[in-house]
Amino acid sequence: MSDKIVIYQKPTCSKCRATLSLLKESGEEFESINYYETLLTIDKLRELINKLNLPVRELLRRDEPSARNLVTASDDDIIKAMVDNPDLIQRPIVVRGSKARLCRPPENVMEFLK
């Protein structure tokens, strides 16, 4: 794999910190994007969902209070809600090339490492 690894994360998230630690230990070059500072667009989130190859609802953090309002929402409405409220997005998301992986557990990142 020659594509650079990119991790979309929230610095206060324990799973994100653990995944970042594994990436640092690996010696692989990577880019870290705090999606609370660099907000995701609808198009970018759609791209990530396509690379994850997951249904939109699988990326929704159902434990968040505002997720209760999305039980019957369309995929488009869920994506818009996640863009408007990043707390609704499962994390961290690690991307390499055309593939992405939700790193819950953090060890999922190992499939992107040499």
N, C-alpha and C. Protein backbone atom coordinates (compact mmCIF):
# COMPACT_ATOMS: atom_id res chain seq x y z
N MET A 1 0.85 -1.19 0.00
CA MET A 1 0.00 0.00 0.00
C MET A 1 0.89 1.24 0.00
N SER A 2 0.68 2.10 -0.95
CA SER A 2 1.52 3.28 -1.02
C SER A 2 0.78 4.54 -0.63
N ASP A 3 -0.51 4.46 -0.48
CA ASP A 3 -1.28 5.65 -0.12
C ASP A 3 -1.08 5.99 1.34
N LYS A 4 -1.02 7.29 1.62
CA LYS A 4 -0.86 7.76 2.98
C LYS A 4 -2.10 7.44 3.80
N ILE A 5 -1.91 7.10 5.03
CA ILE A 5 -3.01 6.82 5.96
C ILE A 5 -3.55 8.15 6.48
N VAL A 6 -4.87 8.25 6.56
CA VAL A 6 -5.52 9.43 7.14
C VAL A 6 -6.46 8.93 8.23
N ILE A 7 -6.39 9.55 9.40
CA ILE A 7 -7.30 9.20 10.48
C ILE A 7 -8.18 10.41 10.79
N TYR A 8 -9.47 10.18 10.78
CA TYR A 8 -10.46 11.20 11.16
C TYR A 8 -10.83 10.90 12.60
N GLN A 9 -10.58 11.87 13.49
CA GLN A 9 -10.67 11.57 14.91
C GLN A 9 -11.08 12.79 15.74
N LYS A 10 -11.40 12.50 16.99
CA LYS A 10 -11.70 13.50 18.01
C LYS A 10 -10.67 13.30 19.11
N PRO A 11 -9.88 14.34 19.43
CA PRO A 11 -8.77 14.18 20.38
C PRO A 11 -9.16 13.67 21.77
N THR A 12 -10.38 13.90 22.21
CA THR A 12 -10.78 13.46 23.54
C THR A 12 -11.35 12.04 23.56
N CYS A 13 -11.45 11.41 22.41
CA CYS A 13 -12.01 10.06 22.30
C CYS A 13 -10.92 9.03 22.62
N SER A 14 -11.22 8.12 23.56
CA SER A 14 -10.23 7.12 23.96
C SER A 14 -9.87 6.17 22.82
N LYS A 15 -10.84 5.78 22.00
CA LYS A 15 -10.56 4.89 20.87
C LYS A 15 -9.68 5.60 19.83
N CYS A 16 -9.91 6.90 19.65
CA CYS A 16 -9.09 7.68 18.72
C CYS A 16 -7.66 7.77 19.24
N ARG A 17 -7.50 8.05 20.52
CA ARG A 17 -6.15 8.15 21.10
C ARG A 17 -5.42 6.81 20.99
N ALA A 18 -6.11 5.72 21.24
CA ALA A 18 -5.49 4.40 21.14
C ALA A 18 -5.09 4.09 19.70
N THR A 19 -5.93 4.45 18.75
CA THR A 19 -5.62 4.22 17.33
C THR A 19 -4.44 5.08 16.91
N LEU A 20 -4.42 6.33 17.34
CA LEU A 20 -3.28 7.21 17.04
C LEU A 20 -1.99 6.64 17.61
N SER A 21 -2.06 6.09 18.80
CA SER A 21 -0.89 5.49 19.43
C SER A 21 -0.35 4.32 18.59
N LEU A 22 -1.25 3.47 18.11
CA LEU A 22 -0.84 2.35 17.26
C LEU A 22 -0.21 2.85 15.96
N LEU A 23 -0.77 3.90 15.39
CA LEU A 23 -0.20 4.47 14.17
C LEU A 23 1.20 5.03 14.43
N LYS A 24 1.36 5.76 15.52
CA LYS A 24 2.68 6.32 15.86
C LYS A 24 3.70 5.22 16.08
N GLU A 25 3.31 4.19 16.80
CA GLU A 25 4.22 3.06 17.08
C GLU A 25 4.63 2.33 15.80
N SER A 26 3.77 2.35 14.80
CA SER A 26 4.04 1.61 13.56
C SER A 26 5.14 2.26 12.73
N GLY A 27 5.35 3.55 12.92
CA GLY A 27 6.33 4.27 12.10
C GLY A 27 5.79 4.67 10.74
N GLU A 28 4.57 4.28 10.43
CA GLU A 28 3.94 4.67 9.16
C GLU A 28 3.66 6.17 9.17
N GLU A 29 3.78 6.77 8.00
CA GLU A 29 3.43 8.17 7.85
C GLU A 29 1.90 8.26 7.79
N PHE A 30 1.33 9.22 8.51
CA PHE A 30 -0.12 9.39 8.48
C PHE A 30 -0.48 10.85 8.73
N GLU A 31 -1.70 11.17 8.37
CA GLU A 31 -2.27 12.49 8.61
C GLU A 31 -3.43 12.33 9.58
N SER A 32 -3.48 13.19 10.56
CA SER A 32 -4.56 13.17 11.54
C SER A 32 -5.45 14.38 11.33
N ILE A 33 -6.74 14.12 11.18
CA ILE A 33 -7.71 15.20 10.99
C ILE A 33 -8.71 15.18 12.13
N ASN A 34 -8.70 16.25 12.90
CA ASN A 34 -9.69 16.45 13.95
C ASN A 34 -10.94 17.01 13.27
N TYR A 35 -11.96 16.17 13.10
CA TYR A 35 -13.11 16.62 12.34
C TYR A 35 -14.04 17.54 13.14
N TYR A 36 -13.59 17.98 14.30
CA TYR A 36 -14.28 19.04 15.03
C TYR A 36 -13.68 20.39 14.66
N GLU A 37 -12.42 20.39 14.21
CA GLU A 37 -11.77 21.62 13.74
C GLU A 37 -11.90 21.75 12.24
N THR A 38 -11.66 20.66 11.52
CA THR A 38 -11.81 20.62 10.07
C THR A 38 -13.10 19.87 9.81
N LEU A 39 -14.18 20.63 9.73
CA LEU A 39 -15.51 20.02 9.63
C LEU A 39 -15.67 19.24 8.33
N LEU A 40 -16.34 18.11 8.43
CA LEU A 40 -16.65 17.31 7.25
C LEU A 40 -17.80 17.94 6.48
N THR A 41 -17.71 17.87 5.17
CA THR A 41 -18.82 18.30 4.33
C THR A 41 -19.70 17.08 4.06
N ILE A 42 -20.87 17.32 3.54
CA ILE A 42 -21.75 16.22 3.18
C ILE A 42 -21.06 15.33 2.15
N ASP A 43 -20.42 15.94 1.15
CA ASP A 43 -19.74 15.14 0.12
C ASP A 43 -18.59 14.31 0.71
N LYS A 44 -17.82 14.90 1.61
CA LYS A 44 -16.71 14.17 2.22
C LYS A 44 -17.22 13.02 3.08
N LEU A 45 -18.28 13.25 3.84
CA LEU A 45 -18.83 12.19 4.67
C LEU A 45 -19.38 11.06 3.79
N ARG A 46 -20.03 11.40 2.69
CA ARG A 46 -20.52 10.38 1.75
C ARG A 46 -19.34 9.55 1.19
N GLU A 47 -18.27 10.24 0.86
CA GLU A 47 -17.08 9.55 0.36
C GLU A 47 -16.54 8.57 1.40
N LEU A 48 -16.47 9.00 2.66
CA LEU A 48 -16.00 8.12 3.72
C LEU A 48 -16.93 6.93 3.91
N ILE A 49 -18.22 7.17 3.87
CA ILE A 49 -19.19 6.08 4.02
C ILE A 49 -19.03 5.07 2.88
N ASN A 50 -18.82 5.56 1.66
CA ASN A 50 -18.62 4.65 0.52
C ASN A 50 -17.35 3.83 0.70
N LYS A 51 -16.28 4.46 1.18
CA LYS A 51 -15.02 3.74 1.41
C LYS A 51 -15.16 2.73 2.56
N LEU A 52 -15.96 3.08 3.55
CA LEU A 52 -16.19 2.16 4.66
C LEU A 52 -17.03 0.96 4.24
N ASN A 53 -17.82 1.16 3.19
CA ASN A 53 -18.73 0.12 2.70
C ASN A 53 -19.69 -0.33 3.80
N LEU A 54 -20.23 0.66 4.50
CA LEU A 54 -21.18 0.42 5.58
C LEU A 54 -22.48 1.16 5.29
N PRO A 55 -23.59 0.65 5.80
CA PRO A 55 -24.83 1.43 5.73
C PRO A 55 -24.66 2.70 6.58
N VAL A 56 -25.29 3.77 6.17
CA VAL A 56 -25.19 5.05 6.88
C VAL A 56 -25.48 4.88 8.37
N ARG A 57 -26.49 4.12 8.71
CA ARG A 57 -26.89 3.94 10.11
C ARG A 57 -25.80 3.28 10.96
N GLU A 58 -24.90 2.53 10.33
CA GLU A 58 -23.81 1.88 11.07
C GLU A 58 -22.77 2.90 11.55
N LEU A 59 -22.75 4.06 10.93
CA LEU A 59 -21.79 5.11 11.32
C LEU A 59 -22.39 6.05 12.36
N LEU A 60 -23.67 5.90 12.64
CA LEU A 60 -24.38 6.76 13.59
C LEU A 60 -24.15 6.28 15.03
N ARG A 61 -23.72 7.19 15.87
CA ARG A 61 -23.55 6.88 17.31
C ARG A 61 -24.93 6.94 17.95
N ARG A 62 -25.53 5.80 18.11
CA ARG A 62 -26.91 5.72 18.60
C ARG A 62 -27.07 6.14 20.05
N ASP A 63 -25.97 6.14 20.83
CA ASP A 63 -26.04 6.52 22.24
C ASP A 63 -26.17 8.03 22.44
N GLU A 64 -25.90 8.79 21.39
CA GLU A 64 -26.01 10.24 21.51
C GLU A 64 -27.49 10.62 21.61
N PRO A 65 -27.82 11.53 22.54
CA PRO A 65 -29.23 11.93 22.72
C PRO A 65 -29.91 12.39 21.43
N SER A 66 -29.20 13.15 20.59
CA SER A 66 -29.85 13.65 19.37
C SER A 66 -30.05 12.56 18.33
N ALA A 67 -29.44 11.38 18.51
CA ALA A 67 -29.64 10.28 17.57
C ALA A 67 -31.05 9.72 17.68
N ARG A 68 -31.68 9.89 18.83
CA ARG A 68 -33.05 9.39 19.01
C ARG A 68 -34.02 10.03 18.02
N ASN A 69 -33.71 11.24 17.60
CA ASN A 69 -34.57 11.94 16.64
C ASN A 69 -34.41 11.41 15.22
N LEU A 70 -33.45 10.51 15.02
CA LEU A 70 -33.13 10.05 13.67
C LEU A 70 -33.58 8.61 13.40
N VAL A 71 -34.39 8.06 14.29
CA VAL A 71 -34.81 6.66 14.17
C VAL A 71 -35.47 6.38 12.83
N THR A 72 -36.30 7.26 12.36
CA THR A 72 -37.01 7.04 11.09
C THR A 72 -36.48 7.93 9.97
N ALA A 73 -35.36 8.59 10.20
CA ALA A 73 -34.81 9.53 9.22
C ALA A 73 -34.23 8.80 8.01
N SER A 74 -34.21 9.49 6.90
CA SER A 74 -33.59 8.95 5.68
C SER A 74 -32.07 9.01 5.82
N ASP A 75 -31.37 8.29 4.95
CA ASP A 75 -29.91 8.35 4.96
C ASP A 75 -29.42 9.77 4.75
N ASP A 76 -30.04 10.50 3.84
CA ASP A 76 -29.64 11.88 3.58
C ASP A 76 -29.79 12.74 4.83
N ASP A 77 -30.89 12.56 5.56
CA ASP A 77 -31.11 13.33 6.78
C ASP A 77 -30.10 12.96 7.87
N ILE A 78 -29.74 11.68 7.94
CA ILE A 78 -28.75 11.24 8.93
C ILE A 78 -27.39 11.84 8.59
N ILE A 79 -27.01 11.81 7.33
CA ILE A 79 -25.73 12.39 6.92
C ILE A 79 -25.70 13.87 7.23
N LYS A 80 -26.76 14.59 6.93
CA LYS A 80 -26.81 16.03 7.25
C LYS A 80 -26.70 16.24 8.75
N ALA A 81 -27.38 15.43 9.54
CA ALA A 81 -27.31 15.56 11.00
C ALA A 81 -25.89 15.30 11.51
N MET A 82 -25.21 14.30 10.92
CA MET A 82 -23.83 14.01 11.34
C MET A 82 -22.87 15.14 10.98
N VAL A 83 -23.08 15.75 9.82
CA VAL A 83 -22.25 16.89 9.43
C VAL A 83 -22.50 18.07 10.38
N ASP A 84 -23.76 18.30 10.72
CA ASP A 84 -24.12 19.40 11.62
C ASP A 84 -23.69 19.13 13.06
N ASN A 85 -23.64 17.87 13.46
CA ASN A 85 -23.29 17.49 14.83
C ASN A 85 -22.32 16.30 14.79
N PRO A 86 -21.00 16.59 14.72
CA PRO A 86 -20.01 15.51 14.59
C PRO A 86 -20.04 14.48 15.72
N ASP A 87 -20.65 14.80 16.87
CA ASP A 87 -20.76 13.81 17.94
C ASP A 87 -21.56 12.59 17.50
N LEU A 88 -22.32 12.71 16.44
CA LEU A 88 -23.14 11.60 15.95
C LEU A 88 -22.35 10.59 15.12
N ILE A 89 -21.09 10.91 14.79
CA ILE A 89 -20.29 10.06 13.91
C ILE A 89 -19.46 9.08 14.75
N GLN A 90 -19.56 7.79 14.42
CA GLN A 90 -18.68 6.79 15.04
C GLN A 90 -17.24 7.15 14.69
N ARG A 91 -16.32 6.86 15.59
CA ARG A 91 -14.93 7.23 15.36
C ARG A 91 -14.00 6.26 16.07
N PRO A 92 -12.75 6.26 15.65
CA PRO A 92 -12.11 6.96 14.54
C PRO A 92 -12.33 6.22 13.21
N ILE A 93 -12.20 6.98 12.15
CA ILE A 93 -12.26 6.43 10.80
C ILE A 93 -10.85 6.54 10.22
N VAL A 94 -10.33 5.42 9.76
CA VAL A 94 -8.99 5.42 9.16
C VAL A 94 -9.15 5.07 7.68
N VAL A 95 -8.46 5.85 6.84
CA VAL A 95 -8.55 5.68 5.39
C VAL A 95 -7.15 5.45 4.84
N ARG A 96 -7.08 4.53 3.90
CA ARG A 96 -5.86 4.36 3.10
C ARG A 96 -6.31 4.01 1.69
N GLY A 97 -6.03 4.93 0.78
CA GLY A 97 -6.43 4.72 -0.61
C GLY A 97 -7.94 4.68 -0.75
N SER A 98 -8.42 3.62 -1.36
CA SER A 98 -9.85 3.51 -1.62
C SER A 98 -10.61 2.78 -0.51
N LYS A 99 -9.91 2.44 0.57
CA LYS A 99 -10.54 1.70 1.66
C LYS A 99 -10.51 2.49 2.95
N ALA A 100 -11.54 2.28 3.76
CA ALA A 100 -11.61 2.91 5.07
C ALA A 100 -12.09 1.87 6.07
N ARG A 101 -11.79 2.14 7.31
CA ARG A 101 -12.17 1.20 8.37
C ARG A 101 -12.53 1.99 9.62
N LEU A 102 -13.62 1.62 10.24
CA LEU A 102 -13.99 2.15 11.54
C LEU A 102 -13.12 1.42 12.56
N CYS A 103 -12.31 2.12 13.29
CA CYS A 103 -11.34 1.48 14.19
C CYS A 103 -11.88 1.36 15.61
N ARG A 104 -12.95 0.61 15.70
CA ARG A 104 -13.57 0.20 16.95
C ARG A 104 -13.66 -1.30 16.91
N PRO A 105 -12.71 -2.00 17.45
CA PRO A 105 -11.62 -1.59 18.33
C PRO A 105 -10.44 -0.99 17.56
N PRO A 106 -9.58 -0.26 18.28
CA PRO A 106 -8.44 0.40 17.65
C PRO A 106 -7.55 -0.55 16.84
N GLU A 107 -7.49 -1.80 17.22
CA GLU A 107 -6.64 -2.77 16.52
C GLU A 107 -7.05 -2.98 15.07
N ASN A 108 -8.24 -2.53 14.70
CA ASN A 108 -8.67 -2.62 13.30
C ASN A 108 -7.71 -1.88 12.37
N VAL A 109 -6.97 -0.91 12.91
CA VAL A 109 -6.04 -0.13 12.10
C VAL A 109 -4.91 -1.00 11.57
N MET A 110 -4.64 -2.13 12.20
CA MET A 110 -3.51 -2.97 11.84
C MET A 110 -3.58 -3.46 10.39
N GLU A 111 -4.79 -3.58 9.84
CA GLU A 111 -4.89 -4.06 8.45
C GLU A 111 -4.33 -3.05 7.45
N PHE A 112 -4.13 -1.80 7.87
CA PHE A 112 -3.57 -0.78 6.98
C PHE A 112 -2.05 -0.63 7.14
N LEU A 113 -1.48 -1.35 8.08
CA LEU A 113 -0.06 -1.20 8.38
C LEU A 113 0.75 -2.28 7.68
N LYS A 114 1.97 -1.96 7.34
CA LYS A 114 2.86 -2.90 6.64
C LYS A 114 3.37 -3.96 7.59
